[in-house]
Amino acid sequence: MTLCPIALTAGCNKCPLVSACPLKGIIGDYKAPQDAARTQAPPKPGGDKPA
């Protein structure tokens, strides 16, 4: 649950204090770039075949 008012309105990545915030992953919506890549769904096999 996002509790930070900045994270609620703009998101942690747009906050000017994201590099200094010790609780960005706890009270905000921050996800590290490598974590964000892992949470994306892999492409479906055969999805790029021409019709």
C-alpha atoms as a PDB file:
ATOM      1  CA  MET A   1       0.000   0.000   0.000  1.00  0.00           C
ATOM      2  CA  THR A   2       1.394   3.367  -1.012  1.00  0.00           C
ATOM      3  CA  LEU A   3       1.373   5.854   1.850  1.00  0.00           C
ATOM      4  CA  CYS A   4       3.687   8.600   0.619  1.00  0.00           C
ATOM      5  CA  PRO A   5       1.719  11.587  -0.752  1.00  0.00           C
ATOM      6  CA  ILE A   6       4.285  12.199  -3.504  1.00  0.00           C
ATOM      7  CA  ALA A   7       4.200   8.549  -4.571  1.00  0.00           C
ATOM      8  CA  LEU A   8       0.401   8.687  -4.643  1.00  0.00           C
ATOM      9  CA  THR A   9       0.321  11.682  -6.982  1.00  0.00           C
ATOM     10  CA  ALA A  10       3.413  11.360  -9.170  1.00  0.00           C
ATOM     11  CA  GLY A  11       5.161   8.099  -8.286  1.00  0.00           C
ATOM     12  CA  CYS A  12       8.488   7.505  -6.588  1.00  0.00           C
ATOM     13  CA  ASN A  13      10.523   7.655  -9.792  1.00  0.00           C
ATOM     14  CA  LYS A  14       9.377  11.258 -10.448  1.00  0.00           C
ATOM     15  CA  CYS A  15      10.118  12.404  -6.893  1.00  0.00           C
ATOM     16  CA  PRO A  16      13.209  14.623  -6.493  1.00  0.00           C
ATOM     17  CA  LEU A  17      14.081  12.849  -3.238  1.00  0.00           C
ATOM     18  CA  VAL A  18      13.934   9.258  -4.554  1.00  0.00           C
ATOM     19  CA  SER A  19      17.702   8.779  -4.236  1.00  0.00           C
ATOM     20  CA  ALA A  20      17.683   9.875  -0.585  1.00  0.00           C
ATOM     21  CA  CYS A  21      14.408   8.299   0.569  1.00  0.00           C
ATOM     22  CA  PRO A  22      15.080   5.396   2.968  1.00  0.00           C
ATOM     23  CA  LEU A  23      11.488   4.111   2.813  1.00  0.00           C
ATOM     24  CA  LYS A  24      10.742   4.362  -0.913  1.00  0.00           C
ATOM     25  CA  GLY A  25      10.150   0.607  -1.198  1.00  0.00           C
ATOM     26  CA  ILE A  26       8.093   0.420   1.987  1.00  0.00           C
ATOM     27  CA  ILE A  27       5.765   3.445   1.911  1.00  0.00           C
ATOM     28  CA  GLY A  28       6.117   4.289  -1.776  1.00  0.00           C
ATOM     29  CA  ASP A  29       5.754   2.506  -5.094  1.00  0.00           C
ATOM     30  CA  TYR A  30       9.461   2.344  -5.973  1.00  0.00           C
ATOM     31  CA  LYS A  31      10.742  -0.729  -7.789  1.00  0.00           C
ATOM     32  CA  ALA A  32      14.407  -1.119  -8.671  1.00  0.00           C
ATOM     33  CA  PRO A  33      15.049  -1.386 -12.444  1.00  0.00           C
ATOM     34  CA  GLN A  34      16.107  -5.054 -12.214  1.00  0.00           C
ATOM     35  CA  ASP A  35      12.996  -5.871 -10.131  1.00  0.00           C
ATOM     36  CA  ALA A  36      10.743  -4.114 -12.641  1.00  0.00           C
ATOM     37  CA  ALA A  37      12.217  -6.150 -15.500  1.00  0.00           C
ATOM     38  CA  ARG A  38      11.517  -9.391 -13.613  1.00  0.00           C
ATOM     39  CA  THR A  39       7.873  -8.494 -12.957  1.00  0.00           C
ATOM     40  CA  GLN A  40       7.043  -7.903 -16.627  1.00  0.00           C
ATOM     41  CA  ALA A  41       5.382 -10.787 -18.408  1.00  0.00           C
ATOM     42  CA  PRO A  42       7.565 -12.635 -20.918  1.00  0.00           C
ATOM     43  CA  PRO A  43       6.465 -12.419 -24.556  1.00  0.00           C
ATOM     44  CA  LYS A  44       4.084 -15.098 -25.742  1.00  0.00           C
ATOM     45  CA  PRO A  45       5.663 -17.684 -28.031  1.00  0.00           C
ATOM     46  CA  GLY A  46       4.641 -17.204 -31.638  1.00  0.00           C
ATOM     47  CA  GLY A  47       3.202 -13.763 -30.980  1.00  0.00           C
ATOM     48  CA  ASP A  48       5.321 -12.088 -33.683  1.00  0.00           C
ATOM     49  CA  LYS A  49       4.402 -14.415 -36.564  1.00  0.00           C
ATOM     50  CA  PRO A  50       3.067 -12.687 -39.662  1.00  0.00           C
ATOM     51  CA  ALA A  51      -0.598 -13.326 -40.384  1.00  0.00           C
END
